[in-house]
Amino acid sequence: MEETKDNFTAKNLLHRFKSETSPFWIKIRNGMIVIGVACGALISAPVTLPPLIVTLAGYGVAIGAVGAALAQLTKK
């Protein structure tokens, strides 16, 4: 019985990044991008916001970026 491993090499990750993604994960990816952009807009707003809002927006940018990247790496 042959066991297949999905090695995390740069070549494999690049292949996964370029491969086709299912429609469900495309929706997740796009939602994460929207979250990241909206939170980035809050951080760079020309008005003074409470520190809690700015901190939460920073977390939102990080969550949006990581979520979009992970959703893109899924294969169909």
Protein backbone atom coordinates (compact mmCIF):
# COMPACT_ATOMS: atom_id res chain seq x y z
CA MET A 1 0.00 0.00 0.00
CA GLU A 2 1.50 3.29 -1.10
CA GLU A 3 1.09 6.32 1.10
CA THR A 4 1.05 9.70 -0.64
CA LYS A 5 2.35 12.74 1.15
CA ASP A 6 1.63 16.31 0.25
CA ASN A 7 5.06 17.83 0.81
CA PHE A 8 5.24 21.52 1.57
CA THR A 9 7.91 22.58 -0.87
CA ALA A 10 8.08 25.89 -2.70
CA LYS A 11 7.36 24.14 -5.99
CA ASN A 12 4.31 22.36 -4.56
CA LEU A 13 2.93 25.55 -2.98
CA LEU A 14 3.40 27.45 -6.25
CA HIS A 15 1.57 24.68 -8.11
CA ARG A 16 -1.28 24.77 -5.58
CA PHE A 17 -1.47 28.57 -5.80
CA LYS A 18 -1.83 28.42 -9.59
CA SER A 19 -4.24 25.45 -9.69
CA GLU A 20 -8.00 25.80 -10.06
CA THR A 21 -10.00 26.60 -6.92
CA SER A 22 -13.56 25.45 -6.27
CA PRO A 23 -16.35 28.07 -6.32
CA PHE A 24 -16.91 27.75 -2.55
CA TRP A 25 -13.29 28.68 -1.78
CA ILE A 26 -13.37 31.51 -4.34
CA LYS A 27 -16.28 33.03 -2.38
CA ILE A 28 -14.38 32.58 0.88
CA ARG A 29 -11.24 34.14 -0.67
CA ASN A 30 -13.19 37.13 -1.96
CA GLY A 31 -14.89 37.61 1.41
CA MET A 32 -11.53 37.59 3.18
CA ILE A 33 -10.18 40.17 0.73
CA VAL A 34 -13.19 42.41 1.45
CA ILE A 35 -12.61 42.06 5.21
CA GLY A 36 -8.93 42.93 4.82
CA VAL A 37 -9.60 45.95 2.62
CA ALA A 38 -12.39 47.27 4.87
CA CYS A 39 -10.19 46.97 7.95
CA GLY A 40 -7.29 48.59 6.09
CA ALA A 41 -9.58 51.51 5.28
CA LEU A 42 -10.45 51.85 8.98
CA ILE A 43 -6.78 51.94 9.90
CA SER A 44 -5.96 54.60 7.33
CA ALA A 45 -9.07 56.73 7.98
CA PRO A 46 -8.29 60.47 8.17
CA VAL A 47 -10.26 60.79 11.41
CA THR A 48 -9.15 59.78 14.87
CA LEU A 49 -10.66 56.46 15.91
CA PRO A 50 -10.55 54.83 19.34
CA PRO A 51 -7.49 52.62 19.87
CA LEU A 52 -9.71 49.55 20.28
CA ILE A 53 -11.16 50.02 16.78
CA VAL A 54 -7.71 50.48 15.26
CA THR A 55 -6.41 47.38 17.06
CA LEU A 56 -9.37 45.26 15.94
CA ALA A 57 -8.93 46.56 12.38
CA GLY A 58 -5.30 45.45 12.50
CA TYR A 59 -6.41 41.96 13.44
CA GLY A 60 -8.98 42.09 10.65
CA VAL A 61 -6.30 42.89 8.08
CA ALA A 62 -4.22 39.94 9.29
CA ILE A 63 -7.21 37.57 9.29
CA GLY A 64 -8.23 38.73 5.82
CA ALA A 65 -4.75 38.24 4.38
CA VAL A 66 -4.20 34.80 5.89
CA GLY A 67 -7.73 33.63 5.08
CA ALA A 68 -7.45 34.75 1.45
CA ALA A 69 -4.08 33.05 1.04
CA LEU A 70 -5.27 29.78 2.56
CA ALA A 71 -8.45 29.79 0.48
CA GLN A 72 -6.38 30.30 -2.67
CA LEU A 73 -4.16 27.32 -1.82
CA THR A 74 -7.05 24.84 -1.82
CA LYS A 75 -7.38 22.62 -4.88
CA LYS A 76 -10.52 21.64 -6.73
